[in-house]
C-alpha atoms as a PDB file:
ATOM      1  CA  MET A   1       0.901  -1.813  -0.639  1.00  0.00           C
ATOM      2  CA  THR A   2      -0.778   0.719   1.612  1.00  0.00           C
ATOM      3  CA  GLN A   3       0.426   4.262   2.262  1.00  0.00           C
ATOM      4  CA  PHE A   4       0.064   5.198   5.937  1.00  0.00           C
ATOM      5  CA  TYR A   5      -0.084   8.719   7.350  1.00  0.00           C
ATOM      6  CA  TYR A   6       0.698   9.802  10.898  1.00  0.00           C
ATOM      7  CA  LEU A   7       0.566  12.843  13.156  1.00  0.00           C
ATOM      8  CA  SER A   8       2.451  13.405  16.376  1.00  0.00           C
ATOM      9  CA  ALA A   9       2.170  16.180  18.944  1.00  0.00           C
ATOM     10  CA  LYS A  10       3.386  17.127  22.406  1.00  0.00           C
ATOM     11  CA  HIS A  11      -0.162  17.167  23.795  1.00  0.00           C
ATOM     12  CA  PRO A  12      -3.212  14.970  23.096  1.00  0.00           C
ATOM     13  CA  LEU A  13      -5.216  15.860  20.009  1.00  0.00           C
ATOM     14  CA  GLU A  14      -8.868  15.319  19.194  1.00  0.00           C
ATOM     15  CA  ILE A  15      -9.716  11.965  17.622  1.00  0.00           C
ATOM     16  CA  GLY A  16     -12.632  11.068  15.379  1.00  0.00           C
ATOM     17  CA  THR A  17     -13.919  11.757  11.874  1.00  0.00           C
ATOM     18  CA  PHE A  18     -13.720  15.256  10.417  1.00  0.00           C
ATOM     19  CA  GLY A  19     -14.990  16.900   7.249  1.00  0.00           C
ATOM     20  CA  GLU A  20     -18.193  14.973   6.569  1.00  0.00           C
ATOM     21  CA  ILE A  21     -21.131  17.149   5.567  1.00  0.00           C
ATOM     22  CA  LYS A  22     -24.411  15.347   6.237  1.00  0.00           C
ATOM     23  CA  LYS A  23     -27.858  16.674   5.491  1.00  0.00           C
ATOM     24  CA  LEU A  24     -31.203  15.572   6.838  1.00  0.00           C
ATOM     25  CA  SER A  25     -33.321  13.808   4.199  1.00  0.00           C
ATOM     26  CA  ASN A  26     -37.097  14.102   3.863  1.00  0.00           C
ATOM     27  CA  LYS A  27     -37.344  10.811   5.760  1.00  0.00           C
ATOM     28  CA  GLY A  28     -35.246  12.141   8.649  1.00  0.00           C
ATOM     29  CA  ASN A  29     -32.038  10.249   7.812  1.00  0.00           C
ATOM     30  CA  ASN A  30     -28.572  11.766   7.667  1.00  0.00           C
ATOM     31  CA  VAL A  31     -27.337  11.556   4.065  1.00  0.00           C
ATOM     32  CA  PHE A  32     -24.594  13.013   1.915  1.00  0.00           C
ATOM     33  CA  ALA A  33     -25.642  15.347  -0.901  1.00  0.00           C
ATOM     34  CA  ASN A  34     -22.673  14.201  -3.024  1.00  0.00           C
ATOM     35  CA  THR A  35     -19.424  12.254  -2.884  1.00  0.00           C
ATOM     36  CA  VAL A  36     -17.343  15.315  -1.972  1.00  0.00           C
ATOM     37  CA  ASP A  37     -19.506  15.857   1.123  1.00  0.00           C
ATOM     38  CA  GLU A  38     -18.721  12.272   2.164  1.00  0.00           C
ATOM     39  CA  ALA A  39     -14.939  12.671   1.768  1.00  0.00           C
ATOM     40  CA  SER A  40     -13.386  13.001   5.228  1.00  0.00           C
ATOM     41  CA  ILE A  41     -10.456  12.156   7.456  1.00  0.00           C
ATOM     42  CA  THR A  42     -10.295  10.002  10.569  1.00  0.00           C
ATOM     43  CA  ILE A  43      -7.752  10.542  13.333  1.00  0.00           C
ATOM     44  CA  LYS A  44      -7.143   7.634  15.714  1.00  0.00           C
ATOM     45  CA  LYS A  45      -4.583   7.169  18.452  1.00  0.00           C
ATOM     46  CA  LEU A  46      -1.835   4.681  17.634  1.00  0.00           C
ATOM     47  CA  ALA A  47      -2.409   1.607  19.749  1.00  0.00           C
ATOM     48  CA  ASP A  48       0.851  -0.139  18.866  1.00  0.00           C
ATOM     49  CA  SER A  49       4.321   0.864  19.957  1.00  0.00           C
ATOM     50  CA  PRO A  50       5.408   4.393  19.063  1.00  0.00           C
ATOM     51  CA  LEU A  51       7.022   5.085  15.684  1.00  0.00           C
ATOM     52  CA  SER A  52      10.669   6.070  15.942  1.00  0.00           C
ATOM     53  CA  ASN A  53      10.301   8.566  13.067  1.00  0.00           C
ATOM     54  CA  LEU A  54       7.832  10.605  15.103  1.00  0.00           C
ATOM     55  CA  SER A  55       9.367  12.844  17.757  1.00  0.00           C
ATOM     56  CA  TYR A  56       6.457  13.445  20.110  1.00  0.00           C
ATOM     57  CA  PRO A  57       4.601  11.178  22.552  1.00  0.00           C
ATOM     58  CA  CYS A  58       1.039  11.669  21.279  1.00  0.00           C
ATOM     59  CA  GLN A  59       0.941   9.698  18.021  1.00  0.00           C
ATOM     60  CA  TYR A  60      -1.992   9.184  15.668  1.00  0.00           C
ATOM     61  CA  GLU A  61      -2.830   7.466  12.411  1.00  0.00           C
ATOM     62  CA  VAL A  62      -4.580   9.689   9.867  1.00  0.00           C
ATOM     63  CA  MET A  63      -6.869   8.010   7.336  1.00  0.00           C
ATOM     64  CA  ALA A  64      -8.603   9.583   4.363  1.00  0.00           C
ATOM     65  CA  HIS A  65     -12.067   8.399   3.355  1.00  0.00           C
ATOM     66  CA  LEU A  66     -12.718   8.448  -0.428  1.00  0.00           C
ATOM     67  CA  GLY A  67      -9.703  10.644  -1.168  1.00  0.00           C
ATOM     68  CA  ASP A  68      -6.129  10.640   0.039  1.00  0.00           C
ATOM     69  CA  PHE A  69      -3.339  13.048   0.864  1.00  0.00           C
ATOM     70  CA  GLY A  70      -1.624  12.910  -2.503  1.00  0.00           C
ATOM     71  CA  ALA A  71       1.542  10.912  -1.812  1.00  0.00           C
ATOM     72  CA  ASN A  72       2.752   9.270  -5.009  1.00  0.00           C
ATOM     73  CA  LYS A  73       0.295  11.300  -7.139  1.00  0.00           C
ATOM     74  CA  ASP A  74       1.138  14.040  -9.580  1.00  0.00           C
ATOM     75  CA  LYS A  75      -2.281  15.684  -9.397  1.00  0.00           C
ATOM     76  CA  ALA A  76      -4.872  15.636  -6.627  1.00  0.00           C
ATOM     77  CA  ASN A  77      -8.510  15.094  -7.570  1.00  0.00           C
ATOM     78  CA  GLU A  78     -11.507  16.814  -5.946  1.00  0.00           C
ATOM     79  CA  LEU A  79     -11.778  14.179  -3.178  1.00  0.00           C
ATOM     80  CA  ASP A  80      -8.042  14.386  -2.411  1.00  0.00           C
ATOM     81  CA  LYS A  81      -8.285  18.177  -2.206  1.00  0.00           C
ATOM     82  CA  LYS A  82     -11.175  17.902   0.260  1.00  0.00           C
ATOM     83  CA  CYS A  83      -9.173  15.499   2.461  1.00  0.00           C
ATOM     84  CA  LEU A  84      -6.102  17.760   2.328  1.00  0.00           C
ATOM     85  CA  GLN A  85      -8.216  20.829   3.160  1.00  0.00           C
ATOM     86  CA  THR A  86      -9.839  19.002   6.073  1.00  0.00           C
ATOM     87  CA  LEU A  87      -6.379  17.997   7.337  1.00  0.00           C
ATOM     88  CA  LEU A  88      -5.196  21.610   7.045  1.00  0.00           C
ATOM     89  CA  GLU A  89      -8.172  22.799   9.109  1.00  0.00           C
ATOM     90  CA  TYR A  90      -7.513  20.052  11.665  1.00  0.00           C
ATOM     91  CA  VAL A  91      -3.811  21.022  11.976  1.00  0.00           C
ATOM     92  CA  GLN A  92      -4.717  24.712  12.369  1.00  0.00           C
ATOM     93  CA  ILE A  93      -6.802  23.795  15.416  1.00  0.00           C
ATOM     94  CA  ALA A  94      -4.358  21.165  16.740  1.00  0.00           C
ATOM     95  CA  ILE A  95      -1.420  23.575  16.704  1.00  0.00           C
ATOM     96  CA  GLN A  96      -3.212  25.647  19.348  1.00  0.00           C
ATOM     97  CA  LYS A  97      -3.045  22.652  21.750  1.00  0.00           C
ATOM     98  CA  SER A  98       0.480  21.598  20.885  1.00  0.00           C
ATOM     99  CA  PHE A  99       3.308  23.982  20.005  1.00  0.00           C
ATOM    100  CA  VAL A 100       4.358  21.610  17.240  1.00  0.00           C
ATOM    101  CA  VAL A 101       2.678  18.960  15.063  1.00  0.00           C
ATOM    102  CA  GLU A 102       4.461  16.463  12.805  1.00  0.00           C
ATOM    103  CA  PHE A 103       2.883  14.897   9.719  1.00  0.00           C
ATOM    104  CA  TYR A 104       4.637  11.800   8.325  1.00  0.00           C
ATOM    105  CA  THR A 105       3.925   9.176   5.657  1.00  0.00           C
ATOM    106  CA  ALA A 106       5.377   5.792   4.727  1.00  0.00           C
ATOM    107  CA  TRP A 107       4.402   2.645   2.868  1.00  0.00           C
ATOM    108  CA  ALA A 108       3.316  -0.277   5.041  1.00  0.00           C
ATOM    109  CA  GLY A 109       6.428  -1.959   6.405  1.00  0.00           C
ATOM    110  CA  GLU A 110       8.619   1.118   5.781  1.00  0.00           C
ATOM    111  CA  GLU A 111       7.487   3.181   8.769  1.00  0.00           C
ATOM    112  CA  GLU A 112      10.752   2.623  10.662  1.00  0.00           C
ATOM    113  CA  LEU A 113      13.091   3.245   7.692  1.00  0.00           C
ATOM    114  CA  SER A 114      14.913   6.565   7.758  1.00  0.00           C
ATOM    115  CA  VAL A 115      13.016   9.706   6.802  1.00  0.00           C
ATOM    116  CA  GLU A 116      13.964  10.825   3.286  1.00  0.00           C
ATOM    117  CA  GLU A 117      12.802  14.449   3.419  1.00  0.00           C
ATOM    118  CA  VAL A 118      11.996  16.823   6.274  1.00  0.00           C
ATOM    119  CA  ARG A 119      10.326  20.194   5.769  1.00  0.00           C
ATOM    120  CA  GLU A 120       9.537  22.772   8.452  1.00  0.00           C
ATOM    121  CA  LEU A 121       6.858  25.473   8.377  1.00  0.00           C
ATOM    122  CA  THR A 122       5.137  27.729  10.851  1.00  0.00           C
ATOM    123  CA  ILE A 123       1.351  27.613  10.893  1.00  0.00           C
ATOM    124  CA  ASP A 124       1.375  31.104   9.324  1.00  0.00           C
ATOM    125  CA  GLU A 125       3.467  29.799   6.413  1.00  0.00           C
ATOM    126  CA  LEU A 126       1.077  26.874   5.913  1.00  0.00           C
ATOM    127  CA  THR A 127      -1.341  28.775   3.686  1.00  0.00           C
ATOM    128  CA  ASP A 128      -2.453  26.102   1.210  1.00  0.00           C
ATOM    129  CA  SER A 129      -3.523  22.508   1.759  1.00  0.00           C
ATOM    130  CA  SER A 130      -1.252  21.359  -1.078  1.00  0.00           C
ATOM    131  CA  GLN A 131       1.708  22.116   1.226  1.00  0.00           C
ATOM    132  CA  LEU A 132       0.647  19.042   3.234  1.00  0.00           C
ATOM    133  CA  LYS A 133       1.348  16.753   0.284  1.00  0.00           C
ATOM    134  CA  LEU A 134       4.316  14.518   1.133  1.00  0.00           C
ATOM    135  CA  GLU A 135       6.398  12.008  -0.776  1.00  0.00           C
ATOM    136  CA  ASN A 136       6.941   8.537   0.711  1.00  0.00           C
ATOM    137  CA  ARG A 137       8.893   8.712   3.983  1.00  0.00           C
ATOM    138  CA  GLY A 138       8.508  12.466   4.056  1.00  0.00           C
ATOM    139  CA  LYS A 139       7.880  14.462   7.216  1.00  0.00           C
ATOM    140  CA  LEU A 140       6.473  17.941   7.666  1.00  0.00           C
ATOM    141  CA  ILE A 141       7.048  19.669  11.004  1.00  0.00           C
ATOM    142  CA  ILE A 142       4.603  22.492  11.673  1.00  0.00           C
ATOM    143  CA  TYR A 143       5.343  24.985  14.444  1.00  0.00           C
ATOM    144  CA  ARG A 144       2.969  27.466  16.027  1.00  0.00           C
ATOM    145  CA  GLN A 145       5.638  30.149  15.685  1.00  0.00           C
ATOM    146  CA  LYS A 146       9.344  30.499  15.040  1.00  0.00           C
ATOM    147  CA  TYR A 147      11.635  30.346  18.036  1.00  0.00           C
END
């Protein structure tokens, strides 16, 4: 089975690939110095119908390249940590466009089952990328500030 990750926000967020570190080779090609530099995340707008477990209209799938976001893992490896750190940096920027951002995960086919755990943090309380690690059908709601 595949673990899927999602973001939702009140306002549109930037899509694309984030976190790659490419260097110019002697031959003029863009290359990665090592595997960690290649680890990245991709954010793409959900094309299908909205997920009922996400509260906001702008919904996105989040994919990790080479690593993942640590669901169902006891310990994150170096690639996972890079993907989580990249996601943290992305959320820190995204929260400036949208007062609130939700991060949610579920196994394929379980996206519409009830959420098992909900956590809430302000962006100031989100100080470490490991706080983004979710269990299956877990949701993290990140606010710009407390009410």
